[in-house]
Amino acid sequence: MDTQQISAPSRAPSAGVVHINIRLTDGYSIISNRLSQHRDMSLLAIGLGTHIQSLPAGRRIGVKALAAIFPESEARIAAALRELEHHGFLRRTRERVQGGRVATRTESYNHPEAAARRAVPQLVRVPEPEPEPGPVPVAVQASAPVQASAPVQASAPVPASGPVVVREPAPAPPAPAPPAPDPAPAPRLVPSAAAPKPPPPPLPFPRRPSASLFDEAARLLAGLQVSAPLFALSGVDVERLTPGVAAWLERGVRPDAVRVALTDDPPVPLRHPAKLVRHRLVALLPPPVPAAVPVVPLQNCDDCDRAFRSPVPGCCGECRDVRAFADDEPCLLGA
């Protein structure tokens, strides 16, 4: 007895969509993947384009007609129709029909690129007409004797005199103008070695200098070589750069942040650490700290005991108005 061979069933993918298709014999439409998988259109436009391509010819697809079928608003349906028209799946034109009315003709395309190529007319080259053969003249030699008994027969009939049409050759296209030469580059002005150099920008200076501020700045500069051995400054360099560091500290920068800003990522090799520190003090100077808005203290009104803001104690605005009107003398209005 033969052993029955059992084939293993195909395994479905572990993730993603699984298609369970049933062969359709009626009630279906063929939709191109150019529409159903379009990456530049919204899902509403793709769905609306699929619905339009499934409709029979002659069905109305206006905005109001579609809004009466689907739950989307007229504004969203109009936007989807504009998307389809922008990407070539829909084309709407205005045509005049019988009775003088103007109707909208809508064309739905399942392959916009192929339809556009078919719409472009092919250029057919028409050969130029050949010139008609003219009459052949009869050549008569004067030196040859002519016999009276033998008639002279012409090789071609001589037409009657009439206007002669002369066709002039088509003028040759003008030769393209030569390209304009590129303008000569402007001479680059390089200063000579003996030219005076501009003075360096001034070192920042604190607005309110103090002895404690300068001492802290000097200690920071002298201690740079502890965390960054390449930045070993001399005493003259420390004294000359102290006002710049004091300006940074006055603007609210913490000493650790100043140290990192001055010594971070130095060039290799570092030949002049003092010049690099001076350049960074000038180029990376932070903005000044904005002045604090003074806070007006709260006071208690002497009359109504309500709180109000004022630099000095006293009465609030309402109580001051009451006192001002109470101090006025009464006046009488006469007839």
C-alpha atoms as a PDB file:
ATOM      1  CA  MET A   1       0.000   0.000   0.000  1.00  0.00           C
ATOM      2  CA  ASP A   2       1.416   3.359  -1.018  1.00  0.00           C
ATOM      3  CA  THR A   3       1.993   5.996   1.616  1.00  0.00           C
ATOM      4  CA  GLN A   4      -0.102   9.110   1.062  1.00  0.00           C
ATOM      5  CA  GLN A   5       2.010  12.250   0.799  1.00  0.00           C
ATOM      6  CA  ILE A   6       0.641  15.127   2.781  1.00  0.00           C
ATOM      7  CA  SER A   7       1.921  18.561   1.812  1.00  0.00           C
ATOM      8  CA  ALA A   8       2.280  21.090   4.588  1.00  0.00           C
ATOM      9  CA  PRO A   9      -0.098  24.048   4.342  1.00  0.00           C
ATOM     10  CA  SER A  10       1.446  27.382   3.433  1.00  0.00           C
ATOM     11  CA  ARG A  11       2.185  29.477   6.470  1.00  0.00           C
ATOM     12  CA  ALA A  12       0.599  32.901   6.697  1.00  0.00           C
ATOM     13  CA  PRO A  13       2.911  35.842   7.389  1.00  0.00           C
ATOM     14  CA  SER A  14       3.407  36.555  11.069  1.00  0.00           C
ATOM     15  CA  ALA A  15       2.732  40.282  10.658  1.00  0.00           C
ATOM     16  CA  GLY A  16       1.004  42.564   8.181  1.00  0.00           C
ATOM     17  CA  VAL A  17      -2.135  42.154   6.144  1.00  0.00           C
ATOM     18  CA  VAL A  18      -3.357  38.738   5.007  1.00  0.00           C
ATOM     19  CA  HIS A  19      -5.470  38.706   1.812  1.00  0.00           C
ATOM     20  CA  ILE A  20      -8.441  36.324   1.739  1.00  0.00           C
ATOM     21  CA  ASN A  21      -9.619  36.713  -1.853  1.00  0.00           C
ATOM     22  CA  ILE A  22     -12.671  35.124  -3.446  1.00  0.00           C
ATOM     23  CA  ARG A  23     -12.941  34.979  -7.221  1.00  0.00           C
ATOM     24  CA  LEU A  24     -15.470  37.578  -8.351  1.00  0.00           C
ATOM     25  CA  THR A  25     -17.699  37.078 -11.357  1.00  0.00           C
ATOM     26  CA  ASP A  26     -19.793  40.264 -11.158  1.00  0.00           C
ATOM     27  CA  GLY A  27     -19.998  43.542  -9.269  1.00  0.00           C
ATOM     28  CA  TYR A  28     -16.306  44.522  -9.343  1.00  0.00           C
ATOM     29  CA  SER A  29     -14.092  47.235 -10.860  1.00  0.00           C
ATOM     30  CA  ILE A  30     -10.445  47.238 -11.921  1.00  0.00           C
ATOM     31  CA  ILE A  31      -8.549  50.002 -10.097  1.00  0.00           C
ATOM     32  CA  SER A  32      -4.941  50.867 -10.902  1.00  0.00           C
ATOM     33  CA  ASN A  33      -2.338  50.819  -8.145  1.00  0.00           C
ATOM     34  CA  ARG A  34      -1.301  54.274  -9.350  1.00  0.00           C
ATOM     35  CA  LEU A  35      -4.450  55.487  -7.594  1.00  0.00           C
ATOM     36  CA  SER A  36      -4.891  53.026  -4.744  1.00  0.00           C
ATOM     37  CA  GLN A  37      -1.248  53.284  -3.607  1.00  0.00           C
ATOM     38  CA  HIS A  38      -0.592  56.958  -4.385  1.00  0.00           C
ATOM     39  CA  ARG A  39       1.799  58.475  -1.840  1.00  0.00           C
ATOM     40  CA  ASP A  40       1.015  62.166  -2.418  1.00  0.00           C
ATOM     41  CA  MET A  41      -2.781  62.100  -2.008  1.00  0.00           C
ATOM     42  CA  SER A  42      -4.960  61.802   1.080  1.00  0.00           C
ATOM     43  CA  LEU A  43      -6.965  58.693   1.840  1.00  0.00           C
ATOM     44  CA  LEU A  44     -10.160  60.628   1.179  1.00  0.00           C
ATOM     45  CA  ALA A  45      -8.990  61.533  -2.335  1.00  0.00           C
ATOM     46  CA  ILE A  46      -7.902  57.941  -3.045  1.00  0.00           C
ATOM     47  CA  GLY A  47     -11.233  56.575  -1.863  1.00  0.00           C
ATOM     48  CA  LEU A  48     -13.191  59.143  -3.824  1.00  0.00           C
ATOM     49  CA  GLY A  49     -11.156  58.420  -6.966  1.00  0.00           C
ATOM     50  CA  THR A  50     -11.822  54.693  -6.535  1.00  0.00           C
ATOM     51  CA  HIS A  51     -15.546  55.377  -6.191  1.00  0.00           C
ATOM     52  CA  ILE A  52     -15.595  57.584  -9.300  1.00  0.00           C
ATOM     53  CA  GLN A  53     -13.801  54.973 -11.428  1.00  0.00           C
ATOM     54  CA  SER A  54     -16.333  52.342 -10.326  1.00  0.00           C
ATOM     55  CA  LEU A  55     -19.319  54.422 -11.489  1.00  0.00           C
ATOM     56  CA  PRO A  56     -20.919  53.883 -14.895  1.00  0.00           C
ATOM     57  CA  ALA A  57     -20.526  56.528 -17.593  1.00  0.00           C
ATOM     58  CA  GLY A  58     -22.977  59.397 -17.331  1.00  0.00           C
ATOM     59  CA  ARG A  59     -23.333  59.356 -13.531  1.00  0.00           C
ATOM     60  CA  ARG A  60     -23.228  62.785 -11.869  1.00  0.00           C
ATOM     61  CA  ILE A  61     -20.289  63.326  -9.506  1.00  0.00           C
ATOM     62  CA  GLY A  62     -20.826  66.905  -8.395  1.00  0.00           C
ATOM     63  CA  VAL A  63     -19.992  68.037  -4.875  1.00  0.00           C
ATOM     64  CA  LYS A  64     -23.631  68.131  -3.751  1.00  0.00           C
ATOM     65  CA  ALA A  65     -24.373  64.748  -5.333  1.00  0.00           C
ATOM     66  CA  LEU A  66     -21.442  63.120  -3.538  1.00  0.00           C
ATOM     67  CA  ALA A  67     -22.215  64.859  -0.224  1.00  0.00           C
ATOM     68  CA  ALA A  68     -25.728  63.401  -0.368  1.00  0.00           C
ATOM     69  CA  ILE A  69     -24.220  59.876  -0.461  1.00  0.00           C
ATOM     70  CA  PHE A  70     -21.210  60.070   1.862  1.00  0.00           C
ATOM     71  CA  PRO A  71     -20.938  61.494   5.420  1.00  0.00           C
ATOM     72  CA  GLU A  72     -18.068  63.888   4.525  1.00  0.00           C
ATOM     73  CA  SER A  73     -18.838  67.588   4.173  1.00  0.00           C
ATOM     74  CA  GLU A  74     -18.958  69.451   0.875  1.00  0.00           C
ATOM     75  CA  ALA A  75     -15.704  71.248   1.705  1.00  0.00           C
ATOM     76  CA  ARG A  76     -13.783  67.978   2.219  1.00  0.00           C
ATOM     77  CA  ILE A  77     -15.247  66.425  -0.929  1.00  0.00           C
ATOM     78  CA  ALA A  78     -14.339  69.532  -2.945  1.00  0.00           C
ATOM     79  CA  ALA A  79     -10.783  69.378  -1.592  1.00  0.00           C
ATOM     80  CA  ALA A  80     -10.506  65.692  -2.569  1.00  0.00           C
ATOM     81  CA  LEU A  81     -11.762  66.477  -6.095  1.00  0.00           C
ATOM     82  CA  ARG A  82      -9.110  69.180  -6.393  1.00  0.00           C
ATOM     83  CA  GLU A  83      -6.449  66.651  -5.328  1.00  0.00           C
ATOM     84  CA  LEU A  84      -7.580  64.201  -8.012  1.00  0.00           C
ATOM     85  CA  GLU A  85      -7.580  66.983 -10.583  1.00  0.00           C
ATOM     86  CA  HIS A  86      -4.126  68.169  -9.510  1.00  0.00           C
ATOM     87  CA  HIS A  87      -2.597  64.693  -9.922  1.00  0.00           C
ATOM     88  CA  GLY A  88      -4.285  64.078 -13.294  1.00  0.00           C
ATOM     89  CA  PHE A  89      -6.870  61.462 -12.290  1.00  0.00           C
ATOM     90  CA  LEU A  90      -9.732  63.865 -12.966  1.00  0.00           C
ATOM     91  CA  ARG A  91     -10.291  66.553 -15.603  1.00  0.00           C
ATOM     92  CA  ARG A  92     -13.220  68.962 -15.628  1.00  0.00           C
ATOM     93  CA  THR A  93     -14.003  71.253 -18.548  1.00  0.00           C
ATOM     94  CA  ARG A  94     -16.878  73.618 -19.351  1.00  0.00           C
ATOM     95  CA  GLU A  95     -18.713  72.969 -22.632  1.00  0.00           C
ATOM     96  CA  ARG A  96     -21.679  74.615 -24.293  1.00  0.00           C
ATOM     97  CA  VAL A  97     -24.536  72.205 -25.042  1.00  0.00           C
ATOM     98  CA  GLN A  98     -27.793  72.530 -26.924  1.00  0.00           C
ATOM     99  CA  GLY A  99     -30.029  75.355 -25.845  1.00  0.00           C
ATOM    100  CA  GLY A 100     -27.146  77.672 -25.030  1.00  0.00           C
ATOM    101  CA  ARG A 101     -26.518  76.094 -21.645  1.00  0.00           C
ATOM    102  CA  VAL A 102     -23.036  75.462 -20.234  1.00  0.00           C
ATOM    103  CA  ALA A 103     -22.357  72.035 -18.718  1.00  0.00           C
ATOM    104  CA  THR A 104     -19.355  70.534 -16.925  1.00  0.00           C
ATOM    105  CA  ARG A 105     -17.715  67.570 -18.615  1.00  0.00           C
ATOM    106  CA  THR A 106     -15.811  65.322 -16.211  1.00  0.00           C
ATOM    107  CA  GLU A 107     -13.229  62.789 -17.397  1.00  0.00           C
ATOM    108  CA  SER A 108     -11.780  60.128 -15.062  1.00  0.00           C
ATOM    109  CA  TYR A 109      -8.344  58.641 -15.891  1.00  0.00           C
ATOM    110  CA  ASN A 110      -6.935  55.386 -14.514  1.00  0.00           C
ATOM    111  CA  HIS A 111      -3.483  56.068 -16.059  1.00  0.00           C
ATOM    112  CA  PRO A 112      -2.851  59.847 -16.240  1.00  0.00           C
ATOM    113  CA  GLU A 113       0.670  59.515 -17.692  1.00  0.00           C
ATOM    114  CA  ALA A 114      -0.417  57.314 -20.605  1.00  0.00           C
ATOM    115  CA  ALA A 115      -3.414  59.557 -21.296  1.00  0.00           C
ATOM    116  CA  ALA A 116      -1.164  62.628 -21.378  1.00  0.00           C
ATOM    117  CA  ARG A 117       1.226  60.957 -23.825  1.00  0.00           C
ATOM    118  CA  ARG A 118      -1.671  59.957 -26.085  1.00  0.00           C
ATOM    119  CA  ALA A 119      -3.045  63.503 -26.071  1.00  0.00           C
ATOM    120  CA  VAL A 120       0.221  64.977 -27.417  1.00  0.00           C
ATOM    121  CA  PRO A 121      -0.063  65.137 -31.248  1.00  0.00           C
ATOM    122  CA  GLN A 122       2.669  63.402 -33.191  1.00  0.00           C
ATOM    123  CA  LEU A 123       4.630  65.727 -35.470  1.00  0.00           C
ATOM    124  CA  VAL A 124       4.486  64.488 -39.083  1.00  0.00           C
ATOM    125  CA  ARG A 125       7.148  65.775 -41.406  1.00  0.00           C
ATOM    126  CA  VAL A 126       5.626  66.806 -44.755  1.00  0.00           C
ATOM    127  CA  PRO A 127       8.122  66.698 -47.635  1.00  0.00           C
ATOM    128  CA  GLU A 128       8.482  69.839 -49.687  1.00  0.00           C
ATOM    129  CA  PRO A 129       6.801  69.710 -53.125  1.00  0.00           C
ATOM    130  CA  GLU A 130       9.189  69.109 -55.975  1.00  0.00           C
ATOM    131  CA  PRO A 131       9.361  71.852 -58.642  1.00  0.00           C
ATOM    132  CA  GLU A 132       7.308  71.148 -61.793  1.00  0.00           C
ATOM    133  CA  PRO A 133       9.373  70.488 -64.929  1.00  0.00           C
ATOM    134  CA  GLY A 134       9.436  73.554 -67.178  1.00  0.00           C
ATOM    135  CA  PRO A 135       9.207  73.604 -70.970  1.00  0.00           C
ATOM    136  CA  VAL A 136      12.216  72.279 -72.833  1.00  0.00           C
ATOM    137  CA  PRO A 137      13.486  74.886 -75.319  1.00  0.00           C
ATOM    138  CA  VAL A 138      14.303  73.870 -78.884  1.00  0.00           C
ATOM    139  CA  ALA A 139      17.916  74.452 -79.834  1.00  0.00           C
ATOM    140  CA  VAL A 140      18.449  75.610 -83.420  1.00  0.00           C
ATOM    141  CA  GLN A 141      21.922  75.609 -84.871  1.00  0.00           C
ATOM    142  CA  ALA A 142      22.469  78.480 -87.264  1.00  0.00           C
ATOM    143  CA  SER A 143      25.338  76.825 -89.108  1.00  0.00           C
ATOM    144  CA  ALA A 144      23.391  73.695 -90.131  1.00  0.00           C
ATOM    145  CA  PRO A 145      21.450  73.937 -93.415  1.00  0.00           C
ATOM    146  CA  VAL A 146      17.711  73.732 -93.223  1.00  0.00           C
ATOM    147  CA  GLN A 147      15.875  71.775 -95.921  1.00  0.00           C
ATOM    148  CA  ALA A 148      12.558  73.163 -96.953  1.00  0.00           C
ATOM    149  CA  SER A 149      11.057  69.797 -97.788  1.00  0.00           C
ATOM    150  CA  ALA A 150      11.685  68.216 -94.326  1.00  0.00           C
ATOM    151  CA  PRO A 151       9.691  69.824 -91.473  1.00  0.00           C
ATOM    152  CA  VAL A 152      11.424  70.446 -88.178  1.00  0.00           C
ATOM    153  CA  GLN A 153       9.836  68.558 -85.243  1.00  0.00           C
ATOM    154  CA  ALA A 154      10.313  69.890 -81.687  1.00  0.00           C
ATOM    155  CA  SER A 155      11.114  67.508 -78.897  1.00  0.00           C
ATOM    156  CA  ALA A 156       8.494  69.107 -76.609  1.00  0.00           C
ATOM    157  CA  PRO A 157       5.590  71.466 -77.165  1.00  0.00           C
ATOM    158  CA  VAL A 158       6.368  75.126 -76.529  1.00  0.00           C
ATOM    159  CA  PRO A 159       3.707  76.622 -74.254  1.00  0.00           C
ATOM    160  CA  ALA A 160       2.192  80.008 -74.841  1.00  0.00           C
ATOM    161  CA  SER A 161       3.798  82.965 -73.206  1.00  0.00           C
ATOM    162  CA  GLY A 162       2.515  83.641 -69.710  1.00  0.00           C
ATOM    163  CA  PRO A 163       3.569  84.583 -66.193  1.00  0.00           C
ATOM    164  CA  VAL A 164       6.444  82.543 -64.837  1.00  0.00           C
ATOM    165  CA  VAL A 165       6.354  81.627 -61.116  1.00  0.00           C
ATOM    166  CA  VAL A 166       9.801  81.690 -59.539  1.00  0.00           C
ATOM    167  CA  ARG A 167      10.128  79.953 -56.118  1.00  0.00           C
ATOM    168  CA  GLU A 168      12.770  81.455 -53.949  1.00  0.00           C
ATOM    169  CA  PRO A 169      14.684  79.160 -51.596  1.00  0.00           C
ATOM    170  CA  ALA A 170      13.780  79.371 -47.939  1.00  0.00           C
ATOM    171  CA  PRO A 171      16.132  81.653 -46.033  1.00  0.00           C
ATOM    172  CA  ALA A 172      18.657  79.868 -43.888  1.00  0.00           C
ATOM    173  CA  PRO A 173      18.157  80.213 -40.125  1.00  0.00           C
ATOM    174  CA  PRO A 174      20.356  82.872 -38.564  1.00  0.00           C
ATOM    175  CA  ALA A 175      23.503  81.602 -36.973  1.00  0.00           C
ATOM    176  CA  PRO A 176      23.362  81.557 -33.169  1.00  0.00           C
ATOM    177  CA  ALA A 177      25.072  84.464 -31.547  1.00  0.00           C
ATOM    178  CA  PRO A 178      28.320  83.550 -29.856  1.00  0.00           C
ATOM    179  CA  PRO A 179      28.079  83.345 -26.065  1.00  0.00           C
ATOM    180  CA  ALA A 180      29.068  86.464 -24.253  1.00  0.00           C
ATOM    181  CA  PRO A 181      32.497  86.142 -22.671  1.00  0.00           C
ATOM    182  CA  ASP A 182      32.578  85.849 -18.926  1.00  0.00           C
ATOM    183  CA  PRO A 183      33.446  89.115 -17.223  1.00  0.00           C
ATOM    184  CA  ALA A 184      36.957  89.259 -15.978  1.00  0.00           C
ATOM    185  CA  PRO A 185      37.123  88.716 -12.221  1.00  0.00           C
ATOM    186  CA  ALA A 186      37.774  91.800 -10.200  1.00  0.00           C
ATOM    187  CA  PRO A 187      41.334  92.055  -8.963  1.00  0.00           C
ATOM    188  CA  ARG A 188      41.716  90.854  -5.415  1.00  0.00           C
ATOM    189  CA  LEU A 189      43.173  93.534  -3.240  1.00  0.00           C
ATOM    190  CA  VAL A 190      45.710  92.018  -0.897  1.00  0.00           C
ATOM    191  CA  PRO A 191      47.296  94.401   1.589  1.00  0.00           C
ATOM    192  CA  SER A 192      51.016  94.457   1.612  1.00  0.00           C
ATOM    193  CA  ALA A 193      53.028  93.149   4.495  1.00  0.00           C
ATOM    194  CA  ALA A 194      54.041  96.691   5.432  1.00  0.00           C
ATOM    195  CA  ALA A 195      50.438  97.951   5.634  1.00  0.00           C
ATOM    196  CA  PRO A 196      49.290  98.894   9.157  1.00  0.00           C
ATOM    197  CA  LYS A 197      47.030  96.311  10.776  1.00  0.00           C
ATOM    198  CA  PRO A 198      43.729  97.375  12.359  1.00  0.00           C
ATOM    199  CA  PRO A 199      43.825  97.554  16.142  1.00  0.00           C
ATOM    200  CA  PRO A 200      42.338  94.558  17.984  1.00  0.00           C
ATOM    201  CA  PRO A 201      38.890  94.993  19.576  1.00  0.00           C
ATOM    202  CA  PRO A 202      39.012  96.231  23.156  1.00  0.00           C
ATOM    203  CA  LEU A 203      38.763  93.787  26.026  1.00  0.00           C
ATOM    204  CA  PRO A 204      35.389  93.908  27.849  1.00  0.00           C
ATOM    205  CA  PHE A 205      35.354  95.766  31.129  1.00  0.00           C
ATOM    206  CA  PRO A 206      32.819  95.454  33.986  1.00  0.00           C
ATOM    207  CA  ARG A 207      30.287  98.259  34.427  1.00  0.00           C
ATOM    208  CA  ARG A 208      30.581  98.236  38.224  1.00  0.00           C
ATOM    209  CA  PRO A 209      34.137  97.117  38.995  1.00  0.00           C
ATOM    210  CA  SER A 210      35.004  96.026  42.511  1.00  0.00           C
ATOM    211  CA  ALA A 211      38.020  94.544  44.259  1.00  0.00           C
ATOM    212  CA  SER A 212      36.271  91.252  45.054  1.00  0.00           C
ATOM    213  CA  LEU A 213      35.173  90.847  41.419  1.00  0.00           C
ATOM    214  CA  PHE A 214      38.719  91.393  40.109  1.00  0.00           C
ATOM    215  CA  ASP A 215      40.177  89.006  42.707  1.00  0.00           C
ATOM    216  CA  GLU A 216      37.795  86.219  41.691  1.00  0.00           C
ATOM    217  CA  ALA A 217      38.597  86.797  38.003  1.00  0.00           C
ATOM    218  CA  ALA A 218      42.364  86.668  38.682  1.00  0.00           C
ATOM    219  CA  ARG A 219      42.014  83.409  40.639  1.00  0.00           C
ATOM    220  CA  LEU A 220      40.023  81.889  37.794  1.00  0.00           C
ATOM    221  CA  LEU A 221      42.691  82.789  35.206  1.00  0.00           C
ATOM    222  CA  ALA A 222      45.525  81.526  37.379  1.00  0.00           C
ATOM    223  CA  GLY A 223      43.739  78.210  37.913  1.00  0.00           C
ATOM    224  CA  LEU A 224      43.095  77.466  34.233  1.00  0.00           C
ATOM    225  CA  GLN A 225      46.239  75.319  34.032  1.00  0.00           C
ATOM    226  CA  VAL A 226      44.862  72.992  36.733  1.00  0.00           C
ATOM    227  CA  SER A 227      42.009  71.716  34.525  1.00  0.00           C
ATOM    228  CA  ALA A 228      43.689  72.557  31.169  1.00  0.00           C
ATOM    229  CA  PRO A 229      47.492  72.258  31.320  1.00  0.00           C
ATOM    230  CA  LEU A 230      47.867  73.908  27.895  1.00  0.00           C
ATOM    231  CA  PHE A 231      46.552  77.210  29.299  1.00  0.00           C
ATOM    232  CA  ALA A 232      49.493  78.110  31.536  1.00  0.00           C
ATOM    233  CA  LEU A 233      49.363  81.922  31.698  1.00  0.00           C
ATOM    234  CA  SER A 234      52.039  84.241  32.986  1.00  0.00           C
ATOM    235  CA  GLY A 235      51.449  86.842  35.681  1.00  0.00           C
ATOM    236  CA  VAL A 236      51.403  89.637  33.096  1.00  0.00           C
ATOM    237  CA  ASP A 237      48.790  87.771  31.027  1.00  0.00           C
ATOM    238  CA  VAL A 238      46.622  87.197  34.114  1.00  0.00           C
ATOM    239  CA  GLU A 239      46.775  90.885  35.062  1.00  0.00           C
ATOM    240  CA  ARG A 240      45.974  91.969  31.495  1.00  0.00           C
ATOM    241  CA  LEU A 241      43.010  89.533  31.020  1.00  0.00           C
ATOM    242  CA  THR A 242      41.443  90.003  34.472  1.00  0.00           C
ATOM    243  CA  PRO A 243      39.017  92.823  33.427  1.00  0.00           C
ATOM    244  CA  GLY A 244      37.581  90.628  30.631  1.00  0.00           C
ATOM    245  CA  VAL A 245      36.850  87.724  32.982  1.00  0.00           C
ATOM    246  CA  ALA A 246      35.396  90.182  35.523  1.00  0.00           C
ATOM    247  CA  ALA A 247      32.972  91.411  32.850  1.00  0.00           C
ATOM    248  CA  TRP A 248      31.812  87.824  32.281  1.00  0.00           C
ATOM    249  CA  LEU A 249      31.308  87.233  35.994  1.00  0.00           C
ATOM    250  CA  GLU A 250      29.404  90.509  36.330  1.00  0.00           C
ATOM    251  CA  ARG A 251      26.964  89.311  33.654  1.00  0.00           C
ATOM    252  CA  GLY A 252      25.954  86.330  35.754  1.00  0.00           C
ATOM    253  CA  VAL A 253      28.119  83.594  34.180  1.00  0.00           C
ATOM    254  CA  ARG A 254      29.263  80.970  36.671  1.00  0.00           C
ATOM    255  CA  PRO A 255      33.038  80.457  37.069  1.00  0.00           C
ATOM    256  CA  ASP A 256      32.820  76.852  35.808  1.00  0.00           C
ATOM    257  CA  ALA A 257      31.024  78.027  32.650  1.00  0.00           C
ATOM    258  CA  VAL A 258      33.682  80.722  32.083  1.00  0.00           C
ATOM    259  CA  ARG A 259      36.447  78.125  32.462  1.00  0.00           C
ATOM    260  CA  VAL A 260      34.804  75.762  29.932  1.00  0.00           C
ATOM    261  CA  ALA A 261      34.166  78.556  27.419  1.00  0.00           C
ATOM    262  CA  LEU A 262      37.814  79.675  27.540  1.00  0.00           C
ATOM    263  CA  THR A 263      39.528  76.277  27.409  1.00  0.00           C
ATOM    264  CA  ASP A 264      37.142  74.018  25.438  1.00  0.00           C
ATOM    265  CA  ASP A 265      38.446  72.445  22.178  1.00  0.00           C
ATOM    266  CA  PRO A 266      41.737  74.355  21.756  1.00  0.00           C
ATOM    267  CA  PRO A 267      43.627  74.237  18.424  1.00  0.00           C
ATOM    268  CA  VAL A 268      46.515  71.801  18.039  1.00  0.00           C
ATOM    269  CA  PRO A 269      49.235  72.882  18.551  1.00  0.00           C
ATOM    270  CA  LEU A 270      48.397  75.756  20.897  1.00  0.00           C
ATOM    271  CA  ARG A 271      51.221  78.289  20.600  1.00  0.00           C
ATOM    272  CA  HIS A 272      49.690  81.398  22.206  1.00  0.00           C
ATOM    273  CA  PRO A 273      47.177  80.500  24.965  1.00  0.00           C
ATOM    274  CA  ALA A 274      46.886  84.120  26.151  1.00  0.00           C
ATOM    275  CA  LYS A 275      45.858  85.320  22.672  1.00  0.00           C
ATOM    276  CA  LEU A 276      43.243  82.551  22.403  1.00  0.00           C
ATOM    277  CA  VAL A 277      41.821  83.452  25.832  1.00  0.00           C
ATOM    278  CA  ARG A 278      41.630  87.128  24.849  1.00  0.00           C
ATOM    279  CA  HIS A 279      39.912  86.310  21.556  1.00  0.00           C
ATOM    280  CA  ARG A 280      37.292  84.154  23.256  1.00  0.00           C
ATOM    281  CA  LEU A 281      36.671  86.759  25.955  1.00  0.00           C
ATOM    282  CA  VAL A 282      35.809  89.280  23.223  1.00  0.00           C
ATOM    283  CA  ALA A 283      34.039  87.032  20.671  1.00  0.00           C
ATOM    284  CA  LEU A 284      31.947  84.925  23.110  1.00  0.00           C
ATOM    285  CA  LEU A 285      30.940  87.703  25.514  1.00  0.00           C
ATOM    286  CA  PRO A 286      27.404  86.920  26.760  1.00  0.00           C
ATOM    287  CA  PRO A 287      24.721  89.625  26.777  1.00  0.00           C
ATOM    288  CA  PRO A 288      24.220  91.643  29.947  1.00  0.00           C
ATOM    289  CA  VAL A 289      21.673  90.473  32.453  1.00  0.00           C
ATOM    290  CA  PRO A 290      18.437  92.461  32.018  1.00  0.00           C
ATOM    291  CA  ALA A 291      17.642  94.782  34.859  1.00  0.00           C
ATOM    292  CA  ALA A 292      15.153  93.391  37.322  1.00  0.00           C
ATOM    293  CA  VAL A 293      11.751  95.056  37.330  1.00  0.00           C
ATOM    294  CA  PRO A 294      11.223  96.645  40.746  1.00  0.00           C
ATOM    295  CA  VAL A 295       8.360  95.131  42.724  1.00  0.00           C
ATOM    296  CA  VAL A 296       6.079  97.653  44.367  1.00  0.00           C
ATOM    297  CA  PRO A 297       5.240  96.465  47.915  1.00  0.00           C
ATOM    298  CA  LEU A 298       1.721  95.924  49.177  1.00  0.00           C
ATOM    299  CA  GLN A 299       0.259  98.446  51.658  1.00  0.00           C
ATOM    300  CA  ASN A 300      -2.930  98.413  53.713  1.00  0.00           C
ATOM    301  CA  CYS A 301      -5.289 101.328  53.202  1.00  0.00           C
ATOM    302  CA  ASP A 302      -5.655 103.502  56.296  1.00  0.00           C
ATOM    303  CA  ASP A 303      -9.414 104.001  55.712  1.00  0.00           C
ATOM    304  CA  CYS A 304     -10.813 100.758  54.237  1.00  0.00           C
ATOM    305  CA  ASP A 305      -7.938  98.425  55.257  1.00  0.00           C
ATOM    306  CA  ARG A 306      -7.764  96.957  51.718  1.00  0.00           C
ATOM    307  CA  ALA A 307      -4.440  95.980  50.186  1.00  0.00           C
ATOM    308  CA  PHE A 308      -2.958  98.097  47.388  1.00  0.00           C
ATOM    309  CA  ARG A 309       0.490  98.536  45.866  1.00  0.00           C
ATOM    310  CA  SER A 310       2.375 101.711  46.707  1.00  0.00           C
ATOM    311  CA  PRO A 311       5.949 102.549  47.719  1.00  0.00           C
ATOM    312  CA  VAL A 312       4.652 104.451  50.755  1.00  0.00           C
ATOM    313  CA  PRO A 313       1.782 103.690  53.141  1.00  0.00           C
ATOM    314  CA  GLY A 314      -1.434 105.714  52.971  1.00  0.00           C
ATOM    315  CA  CYS A 315      -4.845 105.442  51.347  1.00  0.00           C
ATOM    316  CA  CYS A 316      -5.880 103.593  48.229  1.00  0.00           C
ATOM    317  CA  GLY A 317      -7.085 105.411  45.132  1.00  0.00           C
ATOM    318  CA  GLU A 318     -10.798 105.127  45.893  1.00  0.00           C
ATOM    319  CA  CYS A 319     -10.384 106.439  49.407  1.00  0.00           C
ATOM    320  CA  ARG A 320      -8.281 109.349  48.152  1.00  0.00           C
ATOM    321  CA  ASP A 321     -11.090 110.265  45.716  1.00  0.00           C
ATOM    322  CA  VAL A 322     -13.670 110.106  48.540  1.00  0.00           C
ATOM    323  CA  ARG A 323     -11.532 112.418  50.676  1.00  0.00           C
ATOM    324  CA  ALA A 324     -11.038 114.845  47.798  1.00  0.00           C
ATOM    325  CA  PHE A 325     -14.796 115.137  47.139  1.00  0.00           C
ATOM    326  CA  ALA A 326     -15.558 115.358  50.861  1.00  0.00           C
ATOM    327  CA  ASP A 327     -13.224 118.346  51.271  1.00  0.00           C
ATOM    328  CA  ASP A 328     -15.060 120.353  48.551  1.00  0.00           C
ATOM    329  CA  GLU A 329     -17.561 122.965  49.757  1.00  0.00           C
ATOM    330  CA  PRO A 330     -21.218 122.322  48.789  1.00  0.00           C
ATOM    331  CA  CYS A 331     -22.546 124.492  45.946  1.00  0.00           C
ATOM    332  CA  LEU A 332     -26.124 125.483  45.118  1.00  0.00           C
ATOM    333  CA  LEU A 333     -27.593 125.608  41.661  1.00  0.00           C
ATOM    334  CA  GLY A 334     -29.903 128.562  41.170  1.00  0.00           C
ATOM    335  CA  ALA A 335     -32.775 128.861  38.802  1.00  0.00           C
END
